[in-house]
Amino acid sequence: MAEAIAAVLKVDVTIIDKNFNRIAATGKYKKFIGNKIPGKCLFELVMKEKKTNHIKRYLKDNEKKINPSVCESCEAKERCTE
């Protein structure tokens, strides 16, 4: 299923279960299958609110900037791989 979604949308995909375990993934996320998603992250927010959301990444002068309002409380914000 993850591969089909990724092919249609042309993005890497992660699918998690209700316990926040990554159960399927594509691309750079495949190596994380079986790992638990960090707490208080975007995945948790989406599951709780039952609404879509996303993280915008801006690359300028080799500096990675993320939307801080979404990531501020994430347990993995200093070592994000998403």
N, C-alpha and C. Protein backbone atom coordinates (compact mmCIF):
# COMPACT_ATOMS: atom_id res chain seq x y z
N MET A 1 0.82 -1.19 0.00
CA MET A 1 0.00 0.00 0.00
C MET A 1 0.86 1.26 0.00
N ALA A 2 1.91 1.30 0.83
CA ALA A 2 2.78 2.48 0.89
C ALA A 2 3.43 2.74 -0.46
N GLU A 3 3.86 1.67 -1.14
CA GLU A 3 4.50 1.83 -2.46
C GLU A 3 3.52 2.42 -3.47
N ALA A 4 2.27 1.99 -3.44
CA ALA A 4 1.27 2.50 -4.37
C ALA A 4 1.00 3.98 -4.13
N ILE A 5 0.86 4.36 -2.87
CA ILE A 5 0.62 5.77 -2.53
C ILE A 5 1.81 6.61 -2.96
N ALA A 6 3.02 6.13 -2.69
CA ALA A 6 4.23 6.86 -3.05
C ALA A 6 4.33 7.05 -4.57
N ALA A 7 3.96 6.02 -5.32
CA ALA A 7 4.04 6.10 -6.78
C ALA A 7 3.07 7.14 -7.33
N VAL A 8 1.87 7.19 -6.79
CA VAL A 8 0.87 8.15 -7.26
C VAL A 8 1.22 9.57 -6.85
N LEU A 9 1.61 9.76 -5.60
CA LEU A 9 1.88 11.11 -5.09
C LEU A 9 3.31 11.59 -5.35
N LYS A 10 4.19 10.66 -5.70
CA LYS A 10 5.60 10.98 -5.95
C LYS A 10 6.28 11.60 -4.72
N VAL A 11 6.01 11.01 -3.57
CA VAL A 11 6.64 11.39 -2.30
C VAL A 11 6.94 10.12 -1.51
N ASP A 12 7.86 10.22 -0.55
CA ASP A 12 8.09 9.10 0.36
C ASP A 12 6.92 9.03 1.34
N VAL A 13 6.55 7.81 1.73
CA VAL A 13 5.36 7.59 2.55
C VAL A 13 5.73 6.78 3.79
N THR A 14 5.10 7.10 4.91
CA THR A 14 5.19 6.32 6.14
C THR A 14 3.78 6.00 6.59
N ILE A 15 3.58 4.76 7.00
CA ILE A 15 2.30 4.34 7.58
C ILE A 15 2.59 3.85 8.99
N ILE A 16 1.84 4.37 9.96
CA ILE A 16 2.03 3.97 11.36
C ILE A 16 0.75 3.32 11.89
N ASP A 17 0.91 2.55 12.95
CA ASP A 17 -0.26 1.95 13.59
C ASP A 17 -0.70 2.85 14.75
N LYS A 18 -1.74 2.42 15.46
CA LYS A 18 -2.29 3.26 16.53
C LYS A 18 -1.33 3.44 17.70
N ASN A 19 -0.29 2.61 17.76
CA ASN A 19 0.72 2.72 18.82
C ASN A 19 1.95 3.51 18.35
N PHE A 20 1.84 4.14 17.19
CA PHE A 20 2.90 4.97 16.61
C PHE A 20 4.13 4.19 16.19
N ASN A 21 3.93 2.92 15.82
CA ASN A 21 5.00 2.12 15.25
C ASN A 21 4.93 2.25 13.73
N ARG A 22 6.08 2.47 13.09
CA ARG A 22 6.12 2.57 11.63
C ARG A 22 5.98 1.15 11.09
N ILE A 23 4.87 0.88 10.39
CA ILE A 23 4.60 -0.47 9.91
C ILE A 23 4.86 -0.62 8.41
N ALA A 24 4.96 0.47 7.70
CA ALA A 24 5.29 0.44 6.28
C ALA A 24 5.90 1.78 5.91
N ALA A 25 6.76 1.77 4.90
CA ALA A 25 7.39 3.02 4.48
C ALA A 25 8.05 2.84 3.13
N THR A 26 8.35 3.96 2.49
CA THR A 26 9.05 3.94 1.21
C THR A 26 10.28 4.84 1.30
N GLY A 27 11.13 4.72 0.29
CA GLY A 27 12.29 5.61 0.17
C GLY A 27 13.17 5.62 1.40
N LYS A 28 13.57 6.82 1.81
CA LYS A 28 14.51 6.96 2.93
C LYS A 28 13.94 6.50 4.27
N TYR A 29 12.63 6.29 4.34
CA TYR A 29 12.00 5.88 5.60
C TYR A 29 11.91 4.37 5.77
N LYS A 30 12.20 3.61 4.70
CA LYS A 30 12.11 2.14 4.78
C LYS A 30 12.97 1.57 5.90
N LYS A 31 14.14 2.16 6.11
CA LYS A 31 15.05 1.63 7.13
C LYS A 31 14.51 1.82 8.55
N PHE A 32 13.45 2.61 8.70
CA PHE A 32 12.87 2.86 10.02
C PHE A 32 11.64 1.99 10.31
N ILE A 33 11.28 1.09 9.39
CA ILE A 33 10.13 0.21 9.62
C ILE A 33 10.39 -0.60 10.89
N GLY A 34 9.39 -0.64 11.76
CA GLY A 34 9.50 -1.34 13.04
C GLY A 34 9.85 -0.41 14.19
N ASN A 35 10.33 0.78 13.88
CA ASN A 35 10.67 1.75 14.93
C ASN A 35 9.45 2.54 15.36
N LYS A 36 9.47 2.98 16.60
CA LYS A 36 8.40 3.82 17.14
C LYS A 36 8.65 5.26 16.72
N ILE A 37 7.58 5.96 16.37
CA ILE A 37 7.66 7.37 16.01
C ILE A 37 7.86 8.18 17.30
N PRO A 38 8.68 9.23 17.27
CA PRO A 38 8.88 10.05 18.48
C PRO A 38 7.56 10.63 19.00
N GLY A 39 7.47 10.79 20.30
CA GLY A 39 6.27 11.36 20.91
C GLY A 39 6.12 12.84 20.63
N LYS A 40 4.90 13.31 20.74
CA LYS A 40 4.56 14.73 20.59
C LYS A 40 4.99 15.30 19.24
N CYS A 41 4.93 14.46 18.21
CA CYS A 41 5.34 14.91 16.89
C CYS A 41 4.12 15.12 15.99
N LEU A 42 4.38 15.44 14.74
CA LEU A 42 3.30 15.69 13.79
C LEU A 42 2.38 14.48 13.64
N PHE A 43 2.95 13.28 13.65
CA PHE A 43 2.12 12.07 13.53
C PHE A 43 1.09 12.02 14.66
N GLU A 44 1.52 12.30 15.88
CA GLU A 44 0.62 12.27 17.03
C GLU A 44 -0.47 13.34 16.88
N LEU A 45 -0.09 14.51 16.42
CA LEU A 45 -1.05 15.59 16.21
C LEU A 45 -2.11 15.19 15.17
N VAL A 46 -1.68 14.61 14.08
CA VAL A 46 -2.61 14.19 13.02
C VAL A 46 -3.56 13.11 13.53
N MET A 47 -3.02 12.13 14.27
CA MET A 47 -3.88 11.06 14.79
C MET A 47 -4.88 11.60 15.81
N LYS A 48 -4.45 12.54 16.62
CA LYS A 48 -5.32 13.10 17.66
C LYS A 48 -6.41 13.98 17.06
N GLU A 49 -6.03 14.87 16.15
CA GLU A 49 -6.98 15.81 15.56
C GLU A 49 -7.75 15.24 14.38
N LYS A 50 -7.26 14.12 13.83
CA LYS A 50 -7.88 13.47 12.68
C LYS A 50 -8.01 14.44 11.50
N LYS A 51 -6.96 15.25 11.32
CA LYS A 51 -6.89 16.19 10.20
C LYS A 51 -5.51 16.08 9.55
N THR A 52 -5.47 16.32 8.26
CA THR A 52 -4.18 16.30 7.58
C THR A 52 -3.32 17.48 8.03
N ASN A 53 -2.02 17.30 7.90
CA ASN A 53 -1.07 18.35 8.24
C ASN A 53 0.23 18.02 7.54
N HIS A 54 1.16 18.93 7.54
CA HIS A 54 2.46 18.68 6.92
C HIS A 54 3.50 19.62 7.51
N ILE A 55 4.74 19.31 7.22
CA ILE A 55 5.87 20.15 7.64
C ILE A 55 6.46 20.77 6.40
N LYS A 56 6.66 22.06 6.43
CA LYS A 56 7.33 22.74 5.32
C LYS A 56 8.79 22.90 5.68
N ARG A 57 9.65 22.51 4.77
CA ARG A 57 11.09 22.69 4.97
C ARG A 57 11.58 23.71 3.96
N TYR A 58 12.34 24.65 4.43
CA TYR A 58 12.89 25.70 3.58
C TYR A 58 14.41 25.58 3.57
N LEU A 59 14.98 25.49 2.40
CA LEU A 59 16.43 25.42 2.29
C LEU A 59 16.95 26.73 1.73
N LYS A 60 17.74 27.42 2.52
CA LYS A 60 18.30 28.70 2.11
C LYS A 60 19.70 28.80 2.69
N ASP A 61 20.66 29.04 1.83
CA ASP A 61 22.05 29.15 2.28
C ASP A 61 22.48 27.94 3.11
N ASN A 62 22.08 26.75 2.64
CA ASN A 62 22.42 25.48 3.29
C ASN A 62 21.91 25.36 4.73
N GLU A 63 20.92 26.15 5.08
CA GLU A 63 20.34 26.09 6.42
C GLU A 63 18.95 25.47 6.33
N LYS A 64 18.70 24.45 7.13
CA LYS A 64 17.39 23.81 7.12
C LYS A 64 16.50 24.53 8.12
N LYS A 65 15.37 25.01 7.65
CA LYS A 65 14.41 25.66 8.53
C LYS A 65 13.10 24.89 8.45
N ILE A 66 12.49 24.67 9.57
CA ILE A 66 11.21 23.98 9.59
C ILE A 66 10.16 24.87 10.21
N ASN A 67 8.93 24.50 10.01
CA ASN A 67 7.81 25.24 10.59
C ASN A 67 7.82 24.96 12.10
N PRO A 68 8.28 25.90 12.92
CA PRO A 68 8.44 25.64 14.35
C PRO A 68 7.14 25.40 15.10
N SER A 69 6.03 25.91 14.62
CA SER A 69 4.77 25.73 15.34
C SER A 69 4.36 24.26 15.37
N VAL A 70 4.72 23.51 14.36
CA VAL A 70 4.38 22.09 14.31
C VAL A 70 5.39 21.26 15.09
N CYS A 71 6.64 21.65 15.06
CA CYS A 71 7.72 20.81 15.59
C CYS A 71 8.20 21.18 17.00
N GLU A 72 7.74 22.27 17.54
CA GLU A 72 8.27 22.77 18.81
C GLU A 72 8.21 21.75 19.94
N SER A 73 7.13 20.97 20.03
CA SER A 73 6.98 20.04 21.15
C SER A 73 7.50 18.63 20.85
N CYS A 74 7.97 18.39 19.65
CA CYS A 74 8.40 17.04 19.26
C CYS A 74 9.62 16.59 20.07
N GLU A 75 9.58 15.34 20.52
CA GLU A 75 10.68 14.78 21.29
C GLU A 75 11.95 14.62 20.45
N ALA A 76 11.82 14.64 19.12
CA ALA A 76 12.97 14.43 18.24
C ALA A 76 13.33 15.67 17.43
N LYS A 77 12.90 16.83 17.87
CA LYS A 77 13.10 18.04 17.05
C LYS A 77 14.57 18.34 16.79
N GLU A 78 15.46 17.95 17.69
CA GLU A 78 16.89 18.21 17.50
C GLU A 78 17.56 17.18 16.59
N ARG A 79 16.90 16.06 16.34
CA ARG A 79 17.48 15.00 15.52
C ARG A 79 16.46 14.46 14.51
N CYS A 80 15.63 15.32 14.01
CA CYS A 80 14.52 14.94 13.12
C CYS A 80 15.01 14.24 11.85
N THR A 81 14.35 13.16 11.51
CA THR A 81 14.63 12.46 10.26
C THR A 81 13.42 12.47 9.34
N GLU A 82 12.38 13.10 9.75
CA GLU A 82 11.15 13.13 8.96
C GLU A 82 11.18 14.22 7.92
